[in-house]
Every structure is written in C-alpha cells, then in structure tokens.
N, C-alpha and C. Protein backbone atom coordinates (compact mmCIF):
# COMPACT_ATOMS: atom_id res chain seq x y z
N MET A 1 9.58 -13.72 2.13
CA MET A 1 8.36 -12.96 2.25
C MET A 1 7.22 -13.83 1.71
N ARG A 2 6.19 -13.93 2.50
CA ARG A 2 5.04 -14.71 2.05
C ARG A 2 3.77 -13.88 2.14
N ILE A 3 2.93 -14.05 1.15
CA ILE A 3 1.67 -13.32 1.13
C ILE A 3 0.69 -14.02 2.07
N ILE A 4 0.03 -13.23 2.90
CA ILE A 4 -0.92 -13.84 3.83
C ILE A 4 -2.36 -13.40 3.58
N ALA A 5 -2.54 -12.32 2.79
CA ALA A 5 -3.90 -11.89 2.47
C ALA A 5 -3.89 -10.91 1.32
N GLU A 6 -5.01 -10.87 0.61
CA GLU A 6 -5.26 -9.85 -0.40
C GLU A 6 -6.64 -9.29 -0.14
N LEU A 7 -6.75 -7.99 -0.23
CA LEU A 7 -8.04 -7.34 0.00
C LEU A 7 -8.54 -6.77 -1.32
N PRO A 8 -9.76 -7.08 -1.68
CA PRO A 8 -10.28 -6.54 -2.94
C PRO A 8 -10.59 -5.05 -2.81
N HIS A 9 -10.26 -4.32 -3.85
CA HIS A 9 -10.58 -2.89 -3.91
C HIS A 9 -10.65 -2.49 -5.37
N ALA A 10 -11.58 -1.62 -5.70
CA ALA A 10 -11.80 -1.24 -7.10
C ALA A 10 -10.66 -0.40 -7.68
N GLU A 11 -9.96 0.38 -6.85
CA GLU A 11 -8.98 1.32 -7.37
C GLU A 11 -7.52 0.91 -7.20
N CYS A 12 -7.26 -0.09 -6.39
CA CYS A 12 -5.88 -0.53 -6.21
C CYS A 12 -5.85 -1.97 -5.68
N LYS A 13 -4.72 -2.59 -5.85
CA LYS A 13 -4.52 -3.93 -5.31
C LYS A 13 -3.90 -3.79 -3.93
N ILE A 14 -4.44 -4.51 -2.96
CA ILE A 14 -3.94 -4.45 -1.59
C ILE A 14 -3.50 -5.85 -1.19
N SER A 15 -2.22 -5.98 -0.84
CA SER A 15 -1.66 -7.27 -0.43
C SER A 15 -1.01 -7.10 0.94
N ILE A 16 -1.11 -8.14 1.75
CA ILE A 16 -0.47 -8.15 3.06
C ILE A 16 0.51 -9.31 3.08
N PHE A 17 1.74 -9.01 3.46
CA PHE A 17 2.81 -9.99 3.52
C PHE A 17 3.31 -10.11 4.96
N SER A 18 4.01 -11.19 5.21
CA SER A 18 4.69 -11.38 6.48
C SER A 18 6.15 -11.69 6.18
N MET A 19 7.05 -10.95 6.87
CA MET A 19 8.48 -11.18 6.67
C MET A 19 9.25 -10.60 7.85
N ASN A 20 10.14 -11.39 8.41
CA ASN A 20 11.03 -10.93 9.49
C ASN A 20 10.28 -10.24 10.63
N GLN A 21 9.23 -10.88 11.11
CA GLN A 21 8.42 -10.37 12.22
C GLN A 21 7.78 -9.02 11.91
N LYS A 22 7.51 -8.76 10.63
CA LYS A 22 6.82 -7.55 10.22
C LYS A 22 5.67 -7.90 9.30
N PHE A 23 4.62 -7.10 9.40
CA PHE A 23 3.57 -7.14 8.39
C PHE A 23 3.90 -6.07 7.37
N ILE A 24 3.77 -6.39 6.11
CA ILE A 24 4.03 -5.45 5.03
C ILE A 24 2.72 -5.29 4.26
N ILE A 25 2.25 -4.05 4.23
CA ILE A 25 1.01 -3.74 3.52
C ILE A 25 1.41 -3.05 2.22
N LYS A 26 1.05 -3.67 1.10
CA LYS A 26 1.47 -3.14 -0.20
C LYS A 26 0.24 -2.78 -1.03
N PHE A 27 0.24 -1.53 -1.50
CA PHE A 27 -0.81 -1.03 -2.37
C PHE A 27 -0.21 -0.85 -3.76
N GLU A 28 -0.92 -1.31 -4.78
CA GLU A 28 -0.44 -1.17 -6.16
C GLU A 28 -1.53 -0.56 -7.02
N GLN A 29 -1.11 0.36 -7.87
CA GLN A 29 -2.02 0.96 -8.84
C GLN A 29 -1.21 1.20 -10.11
N GLY A 30 -1.46 0.40 -11.11
CA GLY A 30 -0.68 0.51 -12.35
C GLY A 30 0.79 0.24 -12.07
N THR A 31 1.64 1.17 -12.46
CA THR A 31 3.08 1.01 -12.27
C THR A 31 3.58 1.56 -10.94
N LEU A 32 2.68 2.09 -10.15
CA LEU A 32 3.05 2.69 -8.87
C LEU A 32 2.73 1.76 -7.71
N GLU A 33 3.51 1.88 -6.63
CA GLU A 33 3.20 1.11 -5.43
C GLU A 33 3.61 1.89 -4.19
N GLN A 34 2.92 1.59 -3.11
CA GLN A 34 3.23 2.14 -1.80
C GLN A 34 3.32 0.97 -0.83
N VAL A 35 4.31 1.02 0.06
CA VAL A 35 4.53 -0.07 1.00
C VAL A 35 4.63 0.51 2.41
N TYR A 36 3.93 -0.13 3.31
CA TYR A 36 3.95 0.25 4.73
C TYR A 36 4.32 -0.97 5.54
N LYS A 37 5.23 -0.80 6.49
CA LYS A 37 5.68 -1.91 7.32
C LYS A 37 5.35 -1.63 8.78
N ILE A 38 4.94 -2.67 9.48
CA ILE A 38 4.66 -2.55 10.90
C ILE A 38 5.09 -3.83 11.59
N ALA A 39 5.74 -3.68 12.73
CA ALA A 39 6.19 -4.85 13.49
C ALA A 39 4.99 -5.66 13.96
N GLU A 40 5.10 -6.97 13.85
CA GLU A 40 4.01 -7.85 14.29
C GLU A 40 3.70 -7.63 15.77
N LEU A 41 4.71 -7.29 16.56
CA LEU A 41 4.49 -7.05 17.98
C LEU A 41 3.61 -5.83 18.25
N ASN A 42 3.55 -4.90 17.30
CA ASN A 42 2.77 -3.68 17.46
C ASN A 42 1.32 -3.83 17.01
N VAL A 43 0.97 -5.02 16.55
CA VAL A 43 -0.39 -5.26 16.07
C VAL A 43 -1.03 -6.35 16.92
N THR A 44 -2.10 -5.98 17.59
CA THR A 44 -2.82 -7.01 18.34
C THR A 44 -3.74 -7.76 17.39
N ASP A 45 -3.96 -9.00 17.65
CA ASP A 45 -4.86 -9.86 16.87
C ASP A 45 -4.32 -10.21 15.49
N GLY A 46 -3.00 -10.18 15.33
CA GLY A 46 -2.37 -10.65 14.09
C GLY A 46 -2.87 -9.93 12.85
N VAL A 47 -3.09 -10.72 11.80
CA VAL A 47 -3.48 -10.13 10.53
C VAL A 47 -4.84 -9.44 10.63
N ASN A 48 -5.70 -9.86 11.52
CA ASN A 48 -6.99 -9.18 11.72
C ASN A 48 -6.77 -7.75 12.21
N GLY A 49 -5.74 -7.54 13.01
CA GLY A 49 -5.38 -6.19 13.43
C GLY A 49 -4.93 -5.33 12.26
N VAL A 50 -4.24 -5.95 11.31
CA VAL A 50 -3.81 -5.22 10.11
C VAL A 50 -5.04 -4.83 9.29
N PHE A 51 -6.02 -5.74 9.19
CA PHE A 51 -7.25 -5.41 8.46
C PHE A 51 -7.91 -4.17 9.07
N GLN A 52 -7.87 -4.03 10.39
CA GLN A 52 -8.48 -2.88 11.05
C GLN A 52 -7.74 -1.59 10.70
N LEU A 53 -6.44 -1.66 10.49
CA LEU A 53 -5.67 -0.48 10.11
C LEU A 53 -6.06 0.03 8.72
N ILE A 54 -6.44 -0.88 7.86
CA ILE A 54 -6.73 -0.53 6.47
C ILE A 54 -8.21 -0.14 6.36
N ASP A 55 -8.55 0.98 6.97
CA ASP A 55 -9.93 1.44 6.92
C ASP A 55 -10.14 2.35 5.70
N ASN A 56 -11.37 2.76 5.48
CA ASN A 56 -11.70 3.56 4.30
C ASN A 56 -10.92 4.87 4.25
N SER A 57 -10.76 5.51 5.38
CA SER A 57 -10.03 6.77 5.42
C SER A 57 -8.58 6.59 4.98
N PHE A 58 -7.93 5.54 5.47
CA PHE A 58 -6.54 5.27 5.09
C PHE A 58 -6.44 4.97 3.60
N VAL A 59 -7.33 4.14 3.09
CA VAL A 59 -7.29 3.79 1.66
C VAL A 59 -7.52 5.02 0.80
N GLU A 60 -8.42 5.90 1.19
CA GLU A 60 -8.63 7.15 0.44
C GLU A 60 -7.36 7.99 0.40
N THR A 61 -6.64 8.04 1.52
CA THR A 61 -5.37 8.78 1.58
C THR A 61 -4.35 8.15 0.65
N VAL A 62 -4.29 6.83 0.63
CA VAL A 62 -3.36 6.12 -0.25
C VAL A 62 -3.68 6.43 -1.72
N ILE A 63 -4.95 6.41 -2.07
CA ILE A 63 -5.36 6.69 -3.45
C ILE A 63 -5.03 8.13 -3.83
N ASP A 64 -5.24 9.07 -2.91
CA ASP A 64 -4.85 10.46 -3.18
C ASP A 64 -3.34 10.57 -3.40
N ARG A 65 -2.58 9.82 -2.61
CA ARG A 65 -1.12 9.85 -2.75
C ARG A 65 -0.72 9.27 -4.12
N PHE A 66 -1.42 8.24 -4.59
CA PHE A 66 -1.15 7.72 -5.93
C PHE A 66 -1.34 8.81 -6.98
N LYS A 67 -2.38 9.61 -6.83
CA LYS A 67 -2.64 10.70 -7.78
C LYS A 67 -1.48 11.70 -7.76
N GLN A 68 -1.00 12.03 -6.55
CA GLN A 68 0.14 12.95 -6.43
C GLN A 68 1.39 12.34 -7.05
N MET A 69 1.62 11.07 -6.81
CA MET A 69 2.79 10.39 -7.36
C MET A 69 2.74 10.41 -8.88
N ARG A 70 1.57 10.11 -9.44
CA ARG A 70 1.42 10.07 -10.89
C ARG A 70 1.68 11.45 -11.48
N THR A 71 1.13 12.49 -10.85
CA THR A 71 1.34 13.86 -11.32
C THR A 71 2.81 14.24 -11.28
N SER A 72 3.47 13.94 -10.17
CA SER A 72 4.90 14.26 -10.03
C SER A 72 5.74 13.55 -11.08
N PHE A 73 5.44 12.28 -11.30
CA PHE A 73 6.23 11.54 -12.27
C PHE A 73 5.98 12.04 -13.69
N LYS A 74 4.73 12.37 -14.01
CA LYS A 74 4.42 12.90 -15.33
C LYS A 74 5.14 14.22 -15.56
N GLU A 75 5.17 15.07 -14.54
CA GLU A 75 5.85 16.36 -14.67
C GLU A 75 7.34 16.18 -14.93
N VAL A 76 7.99 15.31 -14.21
CA VAL A 76 9.44 15.11 -14.43
C VAL A 76 9.69 14.43 -15.78
N TYR A 77 8.83 13.52 -16.14
CA TYR A 77 8.97 12.84 -17.44
C TYR A 77 8.82 13.85 -18.57
N ASP A 78 7.80 14.71 -18.48
CA ASP A 78 7.58 15.71 -19.52
C ASP A 78 8.72 16.72 -19.61
N ARG A 79 9.33 17.07 -18.46
CA ARG A 79 10.46 18.00 -18.47
C ARG A 79 11.65 17.46 -19.24
N HIS A 80 11.83 16.16 -19.15
CA HIS A 80 13.00 15.55 -19.77
C HIS A 80 12.70 14.86 -21.08
N GLU A 81 11.45 14.74 -21.44
CA GLU A 81 11.00 14.17 -22.70
C GLU A 81 11.83 12.98 -23.14
N LEU A 82 11.84 11.95 -22.32
CA LEU A 82 12.61 10.74 -22.64
C LEU A 82 12.00 9.93 -23.74
C-alpha cells in the first residue's frame, strides 16, 4: 500500500492510498478511523476522480459519523468501566 495524496482538513486527516487496483480513502480523527475502498476502474481520471468524490457534503457526513462512533464507544466503555 502506498500513499498517493493527503488532503488538508481542520477536523480530520484525509489520506488516499493505492493498493491492489483500489483507491483507499482513509479518514482519521484521534483514535478513530474510517476507510472507504473503490476500484480504480470505477474512477475516471485517476486520483483526481477520487478528489471529486471527497466533496464537502461527504466530509461533513464522515465527521458526523466520527461523532456517533465516539459516542458509541464512550457509552460501551462507561458501561464496563475498564
């Protein structure tokens, strides 16, 4: 897996990788991460096509999902008080 791009964002780290004829879009926020994979054949214009997929609406959805993930994990952690 090799990194081919990083996109700056104030609320999360966005990295794009290439591996096994797939683009892998990875979002990181603290200890949480979300990964999306798409076949290179399904994206026109290579990595520039991937940049088009990562629009503001999609990033806002990803950030909202991070909030849900954090809440879910906190709830389970608090239930078990590890």
